[in-house]
């Protein structure tokens, strides 16, 4: 636990959230909206999202190259 709470908002992208988690050396990041806590994401959630994005981009690029 930390006294200085580090949070994100729903509009923040995955790379920004990953940077916050890495910089502050935390494993969980509360997502805040106007009404309070909207949810919590973990470092594992962020890594999974980055991997899925890289896999999608890889697949798209392979299909583009094969179609030429």
PDB file of N, CA and C in Angstrom:
ATOM      1  N   UNK A   1       0.848  -1.180   0.000  1.00  0.00           N
ATOM      2  CA  UNK A   1       0.000   0.000   0.000  1.00  0.00           C
ATOM      3  C   UNK A   1       0.892   1.240   0.000  1.00  0.00           C
ATOM      4  N   UNK A   2       0.323   2.306  -0.508  1.00  0.00           N
ATOM      5  CA  UNK A   2       1.033   3.573  -0.548  1.00  0.00           C
ATOM      6  C   UNK A   2       0.120   4.687  -0.070  1.00  0.00           C
ATOM      7  N   UNK A   3       0.706   5.707   0.488  1.00  0.00           N
ATOM      8  CA  UNK A   3      -0.085   6.852   0.933  1.00  0.00           C
ATOM      9  C   UNK A   3      -0.448   7.756  -0.233  1.00  0.00           C
ATOM     10  N   UNK A   4       0.440   7.837  -1.212  1.00  0.00           N
ATOM     11  CA  UNK A   4       0.205   8.668  -2.388  1.00  0.00           C
ATOM     12  C   UNK A   4      -0.480   7.820  -3.455  1.00  0.00           C
ATOM     13  N   UNK A   5      -1.781   7.965  -3.581  1.00  0.00           N
ATOM     14  CA  UNK A   5      -2.556   7.157  -4.499  1.00  0.00           C
ATOM     15  C   UNK A   5      -2.282   7.573  -5.939  1.00  0.00           C
ATOM     16  N   UNK A   6      -1.999   6.592  -6.779  1.00  0.00           N
ATOM     17  CA  UNK A   6      -1.752   6.797  -8.196  1.00  0.00           C
ATOM     18  C   UNK A   6      -2.938   6.209  -8.940  1.00  0.00           C
ATOM     19  N   UNK A   7      -3.581   7.009  -9.806  1.00  0.00           N
ATOM     20  CA  UNK A   7      -4.789   6.561 -10.492  1.00  0.00           C
ATOM     21  C   UNK A   7      -4.744   6.916 -11.972  1.00  0.00           C
ATOM     22  N   UNK A   8      -5.664   6.321 -12.724  1.00  0.00           N
ATOM     23  CA  UNK A   8      -5.898   6.648 -14.128  1.00  0.00           C
ATOM     24  C   UNK A   8      -7.372   6.992 -14.292  1.00  0.00           C
ATOM     25  N   UNK A   9      -7.704   7.495 -15.466  1.00  0.00           N
ATOM     26  CA  UNK A   9      -9.098   7.730 -15.830  1.00  0.00           C
ATOM     27  C   UNK A   9      -9.433   6.823 -17.005  1.00  0.00           C
ATOM     28  N   UNK A  10     -10.713   6.560 -17.248  1.00  0.00           N
ATOM     29  CA  UNK A  10     -11.090   5.639 -18.324  1.00  0.00           C
ATOM     30  C   UNK A  10     -10.566   6.023 -19.712  1.00  0.00           C
ATOM     31  N   UNK A  11     -10.296   7.285 -19.958  1.00  0.00           N
ATOM     32  CA  UNK A  11      -9.825   7.727 -21.276  1.00  0.00           C
ATOM     33  C   UNK A  11      -8.334   7.503 -21.502  1.00  0.00           C
ATOM     34  N   UNK A  12      -7.584   7.163 -20.458  1.00  0.00           N
ATOM     35  CA  UNK A  12      -6.145   6.937 -20.606  1.00  0.00           C
ATOM     36  C   UNK A  12      -5.900   5.683 -21.441  1.00  0.00           C
ATOM     37  N   UNK A  13      -4.883   5.732 -22.301  1.00  0.00           N
ATOM     38  CA  UNK A  13      -4.596   4.553 -23.119  1.00  0.00           C
ATOM     39  C   UNK A  13      -3.678   3.585 -22.377  1.00  0.00           C
ATOM     40  N   UNK A  14      -3.521   2.408 -22.939  1.00  0.00           N
ATOM     41  CA  UNK A  14      -2.770   1.328 -22.293  1.00  0.00           C
ATOM     42  C   UNK A  14      -1.305   1.717 -22.087  1.00  0.00           C
ATOM     43  N   UNK A  15      -0.700   2.354 -23.074  1.00  0.00           N
ATOM     44  CA  UNK A  15       0.710   2.743 -22.945  1.00  0.00           C
ATOM     45  C   UNK A  15       0.923   3.735 -21.807  1.00  0.00           C
ATOM     46  N   UNK A  16      -0.005   4.675 -21.659  1.00  0.00           N
ATOM     47  CA  UNK A  16       0.086   5.644 -20.569  1.00  0.00           C
ATOM     48  C   UNK A  16      -0.043   4.944 -19.215  1.00  0.00           C
ATOM     49  N   UNK A  17      -1.023   4.051 -19.104  1.00  0.00           N
ATOM     50  CA  UNK A  17      -1.214   3.315 -17.850  1.00  0.00           C
ATOM     51  C   UNK A  17      -0.002   2.452 -17.540  1.00  0.00           C
ATOM     52  N   UNK A  18       0.577   1.831 -18.567  1.00  0.00           N
ATOM     53  CA  UNK A  18       1.782   1.014 -18.372  1.00  0.00           C
ATOM     54  C   UNK A  18       2.924   1.882 -17.844  1.00  0.00           C
ATOM     55  N   UNK A  19       3.046   3.072 -18.371  1.00  0.00           N
ATOM     56  CA  UNK A  19       4.080   3.994 -17.898  1.00  0.00           C
ATOM     57  C   UNK A  19       3.880   4.385 -16.445  1.00  0.00           C
ATOM     58  N   UNK A  20       2.647   4.629 -16.050  1.00  0.00           N
ATOM     59  CA  UNK A  20       2.348   4.988 -14.661  1.00  0.00           C
ATOM     60  C   UNK A  20       2.697   3.833 -13.726  1.00  0.00           C
ATOM     61  N   UNK A  21       2.300   2.634 -14.098  1.00  0.00           N
ATOM     62  CA  UNK A  21       2.569   1.449 -13.276  1.00  0.00           C
ATOM     63  C   UNK A  21       4.074   1.231 -13.144  1.00  0.00           C
ATOM     64  N   UNK A  22       4.789   1.364 -14.248  1.00  0.00           N
ATOM     65  CA  UNK A  22       6.234   1.143 -14.240  1.00  0.00           C
ATOM     66  C   UNK A  22       6.953   2.215 -13.436  1.00  0.00           C
ATOM     67  N   UNK A  23       6.620   3.472 -13.680  1.00  0.00           N
ATOM     68  CA  UNK A  23       7.283   4.589 -13.001  1.00  0.00           C
ATOM     69  C   UNK A  23       7.079   4.536 -11.489  1.00  0.00           C
ATOM     70  N   UNK A  24       5.869   4.206 -11.077  1.00  0.00           N
ATOM     71  CA  UNK A  24       5.540   4.214  -9.654  1.00  0.00           C
ATOM     72  C   UNK A  24       5.737   2.872  -8.970  1.00  0.00           C
ATOM     73  N   UNK A  25       6.134   1.865  -9.756  1.00  0.00           N
ATOM     74  CA  UNK A  25       6.406   0.527  -9.228  1.00  0.00           C
ATOM     75  C   UNK A  25       5.236  -0.023  -8.414  1.00  0.00           C
ATOM     76  N   UNK A  26       4.045   0.041  -9.033  1.00  0.00           N
ATOM     77  CA  UNK A  26       2.840  -0.514  -8.411  1.00  0.00           C
ATOM     78  C   UNK A  26       2.304  -1.623  -9.297  1.00  0.00           C
ATOM     79  N   UNK A  27       1.542  -2.534  -8.709  1.00  0.00           N
ATOM     80  CA  UNK A  27       0.993  -3.662  -9.463  1.00  0.00           C
ATOM     81  C   UNK A  27      -0.462  -3.467  -9.843  1.00  0.00           C
ATOM     82  N   UNK A  28      -1.156  -2.608  -9.141  1.00  0.00           N
ATOM     83  CA  UNK A  28      -2.577  -2.381  -9.393  1.00  0.00           C
ATOM     84  C   UNK A  28      -2.834  -0.886  -9.522  1.00  0.00           C
ATOM     85  N   UNK A  29      -3.753  -0.534 -10.411  1.00  0.00           N
ATOM     86  CA  UNK A  29      -4.023   0.860 -10.705  1.00  0.00           C
ATOM     87  C   UNK A  29      -5.534   1.103 -10.690  1.00  0.00           C
ATOM     88  N   UNK A  30      -6.016   1.901  -9.735  1.00  0.00           N
ATOM     89  CA  UNK A  30      -7.449   2.225  -9.718  1.00  0.00           C
ATOM     90  C   UNK A  30      -7.806   3.118 -10.908  1.00  0.00           C
ATOM     91  N   UNK A  31      -8.962   2.863 -11.487  1.00  0.00           N
ATOM     92  CA  UNK A  31      -9.488   3.688 -12.565  1.00  0.00           C
ATOM     93  C   UNK A  31     -10.621   4.521 -11.971  1.00  0.00           C
ATOM     94  N   UNK A  32     -10.451   5.839 -11.993  1.00  0.00           N
ATOM     95  CA  UNK A  32     -11.403   6.743 -11.362  1.00  0.00           C
ATOM     96  C   UNK A  32     -12.234   7.462 -12.413  1.00  0.00           C
ATOM     97  N   UNK A  33     -13.530   7.612 -12.131  1.00  0.00           N
ATOM     98  CA  UNK A  33     -14.374   8.467 -12.946  1.00  0.00           C
ATOM     99  C   UNK A  33     -15.034   9.484 -12.024  1.00  0.00           C
ATOM    100  N   UNK A  34     -16.004  10.212 -12.518  1.00  0.00           N
ATOM    101  CA  UNK A  34     -16.627  11.271 -11.716  1.00  0.00           C
ATOM    102  C   UNK A  34     -17.311  10.756 -10.458  1.00  0.00           C
ATOM    103  N   UNK A  35     -17.820   9.534 -10.506  1.00  0.00           N
ATOM    104  CA  UNK A  35     -18.567   8.972  -9.379  1.00  0.00           C
ATOM    105  C   UNK A  35     -17.695   8.231  -8.373  1.00  0.00           C
ATOM    106  N   UNK A  36     -16.411   8.044  -8.672  1.00  0.00           N
ATOM    107  CA  UNK A  36     -15.530   7.305  -7.776  1.00  0.00           C
ATOM    108  C   UNK A  36     -14.735   6.270  -8.542  1.00  0.00           C
ATOM    109  N   UNK A  37     -14.528   5.132  -7.914  1.00  0.00           N
ATOM    110  CA  UNK A  37     -13.727   4.078  -8.528  1.00  0.00           C
ATOM    111  C   UNK A  37     -14.561   3.349  -9.580  1.00  0.00           C
ATOM    112  N   UNK A  38     -14.069   3.352 -10.820  1.00  0.00           N
ATOM    113  CA  UNK A  38     -14.750   2.645 -11.912  1.00  0.00           C
ATOM    114  C   UNK A  38     -14.242   1.214 -12.025  1.00  0.00           C
ATOM    115  N   UNK A  39     -13.028   0.962 -11.533  1.00  0.00           N
ATOM    116  CA  UNK A  39     -12.451  -0.371 -11.593  1.00  0.00           C
ATOM    117  C   UNK A  39     -10.993  -0.351 -11.209  1.00  0.00           C
ATOM    118  N   UNK A  40     -10.367  -1.493 -11.286  1.00  0.00           N
ATOM    119  CA  UNK A  40      -8.940  -1.626 -10.980  1.00  0.00           C
ATOM    120  C   UNK A  40      -8.327  -2.517 -12.043  1.00  0.00           C
ATOM    121  N   UNK A  41      -7.178  -2.088 -12.583  1.00  0.00           N
ATOM    122  CA  UNK A  41      -6.455  -2.928 -13.529  1.00  0.00           C
ATOM    123  C   UNK A  41      -5.122  -3.319 -12.920  1.00  0.00           C
ATOM    124  N   UNK A  42      -4.628  -4.454 -13.316  1.00  0.00           N
ATOM    125  CA  UNK A  42      -3.355  -4.944 -12.800  1.00  0.00           C
ATOM    126  C   UNK A  42      -2.298  -4.846 -13.884  1.00  0.00           C
ATOM    127  N   UNK A  43      -1.058  -5.016 -13.498  1.00  0.00           N
ATOM    128  CA  UNK A  43       0.040  -5.031 -14.454  1.00  0.00           C
ATOM    129  C   UNK A  43      -0.171  -6.171 -15.448  1.00  0.00           C
ATOM    130  N   UNK A  44      -0.727  -7.283 -14.994  1.00  0.00           N
ATOM    131  CA  UNK A  44      -1.018  -8.402 -15.883  1.00  0.00           C
ATOM    132  C   UNK A  44      -2.043  -8.035 -16.947  1.00  0.00           C
ATOM    133  N   UNK A  45      -3.062  -7.270 -16.570  1.00  0.00           N
ATOM    134  CA  UNK A  45      -4.057  -6.806 -17.536  1.00  0.00           C
ATOM    135  C   UNK A  45      -3.404  -5.945 -18.610  1.00  0.00           C
ATOM    136  N   UNK A  46      -2.497  -5.072 -18.189  1.00  0.00           N
ATOM    137  CA  UNK A  46      -1.818  -4.174 -19.125  1.00  0.00           C
ATOM    138  C   UNK A  46      -0.896  -4.936 -20.068  1.00  0.00           C
ATOM    139  N   UNK A  47      -0.157  -5.892 -19.518  1.00  0.00           N
ATOM    140  CA  UNK A  47       0.744  -6.704 -20.355  1.00  0.00           C
ATOM    141  C   UNK A  47      -0.069  -7.499 -21.371  1.00  0.00           C
ATOM    142  N   UNK A  48      -1.175  -8.085 -20.938  1.00  0.00           N
ATOM    143  CA  UNK A  48      -2.029  -8.850 -21.849  1.00  0.00           C
ATOM    144  C   UNK A  48      -2.557  -7.964 -22.968  1.00  0.00           C
ATOM    145  N   UNK A  49      -2.991  -6.750 -22.643  1.00  0.00           N
ATOM    146  CA  UNK A  49      -3.502  -5.835 -23.656  1.00  0.00           C
ATOM    147  C   UNK A  49      -2.411  -5.456 -24.652  1.00  0.00           C
ATOM    148  N   UNK A  50      -1.190  -5.240 -24.182  1.00  0.00           N
ATOM    149  CA  UNK A  50      -0.074  -4.910 -25.072  1.00  0.00           C
ATOM    150  C   UNK A  50       0.251  -6.078 -25.999  1.00  0.00           C
ATOM    151  N   UNK A  51       0.247  -7.292 -25.462  1.00  0.00           N
ATOM    152  CA  UNK A  51       0.517  -8.474 -26.283  1.00  0.00           C
ATOM    153  C   UNK A  51      -0.557  -8.683 -27.347  1.00  0.00           C
ATOM    154  N   UNK A  52      -1.807  -8.503 -26.972  1.00  0.00           N
ATOM    155  CA  UNK A  52      -2.893  -8.658 -27.937  1.00  0.00           C
ATOM    156  C   UNK A  52      -2.789  -7.621 -29.046  1.00  0.00           C
ATOM    157  N   UNK A  53      -2.428  -6.403 -28.690  1.00  0.00           N
ATOM    158  CA  UNK A  53      -2.268  -5.349 -29.691  1.00  0.00           C
ATOM    159  C   UNK A  53      -1.111  -5.676 -30.640  1.00  0.00           C
ATOM    160  N   UNK A  54      -0.011  -6.169 -30.093  1.00  0.00           N
ATOM    161  CA  UNK A  54       1.144  -6.533 -30.924  1.00  0.00           C
ATOM    162  C   UNK A  54       0.802  -7.705 -31.839  1.00  0.00           C
ATOM    163  N   UNK A  55       0.060  -8.688 -31.337  1.00  0.00           N
ATOM    164  CA  UNK A  55      -0.346  -9.827 -32.158  1.00  0.00           C
ATOM    165  C   UNK A  55      -1.267  -9.391 -33.293  1.00  0.00           C
ATOM    166  N   UNK A  56      -2.194  -8.495 -32.995  1.00  0.00           N
ATOM    167  CA  UNK A  56      -3.100  -7.984 -34.019  1.00  0.00           C
ATOM    168  C   UNK A  56      -2.313  -7.235 -35.098  1.00  0.00           C
ATOM    169  N   UNK A  57      -1.401  -6.374 -34.685  1.00  0.00           N
ATOM    170  CA  UNK A  57      -0.601  -5.613 -35.638  1.00  0.00           C
ATOM    171  C   UNK A  57       0.267  -6.543 -36.484  1.00  0.00           C
ATOM    172  N   UNK A  58       0.847  -7.552 -35.865  1.00  0.00           N
ATOM    173  CA  UNK A  58       1.675  -8.527 -36.563  1.00  0.00           C
ATOM    174  C   UNK A  58       0.858  -9.259 -37.628  1.00  0.00           C
ATOM    175  N   UNK A  59      -0.331  -9.708 -37.258  1.00  0.00           N
ATOM    176  CA  UNK A  59      -1.201 -10.414 -38.191  1.00  0.00           C
ATOM    177  C   UNK A  59      -1.588  -9.508 -39.366  1.00  0.00           C
ATOM    178  N   UNK A  60      -1.925  -8.254 -39.064  1.00  0.00           N
ATOM    179  CA  UNK A  60      -2.298  -7.292 -40.103  1.00  0.00           C
ATOM    180  C   UNK A  60      -1.142  -7.065 -41.071  1.00  0.00           C
ATOM    181  N   UNK A  61       0.053  -6.887 -40.547  1.00  0.00           N
ATOM    182  CA  UNK A  61       1.216  -6.648 -41.401  1.00  0.00           C
ATOM    183  C   UNK A  61       1.539  -7.860 -42.268  1.00  0.00           C
ATOM    184  N   UNK A  62       1.426  -9.069 -41.703  1.00  0.00           N
ATOM    185  CA  UNK A  62       1.662 -10.284 -42.496  1.00  0.00           C
ATOM    186  C   UNK A  62       0.661 -10.401 -43.638  1.00  0.00           C
ATOM    187  N   UNK A  63      -0.602 -10.121 -43.352  1.00  0.00           N
ATOM    188  CA  UNK A  63      -1.612 -10.174 -44.409  1.00  0.00           C
ATOM    189  C   UNK A  63      -1.352  -9.118 -45.470  1.00  0.00           C
ATOM    190  N   UNK A  64      -0.924  -7.962 -45.070  1.00  0.00           N
ATOM    191  CA  UNK A  64      -0.609  -6.888 -46.024  1.00  0.00           C
ATOM    192  C   UNK A  64       0.561  -7.295 -46.929  1.00  0.00           C
ATOM    193  N   UNK A  65       1.582  -7.867 -46.350  1.00  0.00           N
ATOM    194  CA  UNK A  65       2.763  -8.279 -47.123  1.00  0.00           C
ATOM    195  C   UNK A  65       2.399  -9.411 -48.084  1.00  0.00           C
ATOM    196  N   UNK A  66       1.597 -10.362 -47.632  1.00  0.00           N
ATOM    197  CA  UNK A  66       1.227 -11.497 -48.467  1.00  0.00           C
ATOM    198  C   UNK A  66       0.307 -11.091 -49.618  1.00  0.00           C
ATOM    199  N   UNK A  67      -0.427 -10.009 -49.454  1.00  0.00           N
ATOM    200  CA  UNK A  67      -1.373  -9.589 -50.503  1.00  0.00           C
ATOM    201  C   UNK A  67      -0.680  -8.814 -51.623  1.00  0.00           C
ATOM    202  N   UNK A  68       0.578  -8.461 -51.454  1.00  0.00           N
ATOM    203  CA  UNK A  68       1.285  -7.668 -52.466  1.00  0.00           C
ATOM    204  C   UNK A  68       1.917  -8.535 -53.480  1.00  0.00           C
TER     205      UNK A  68
END
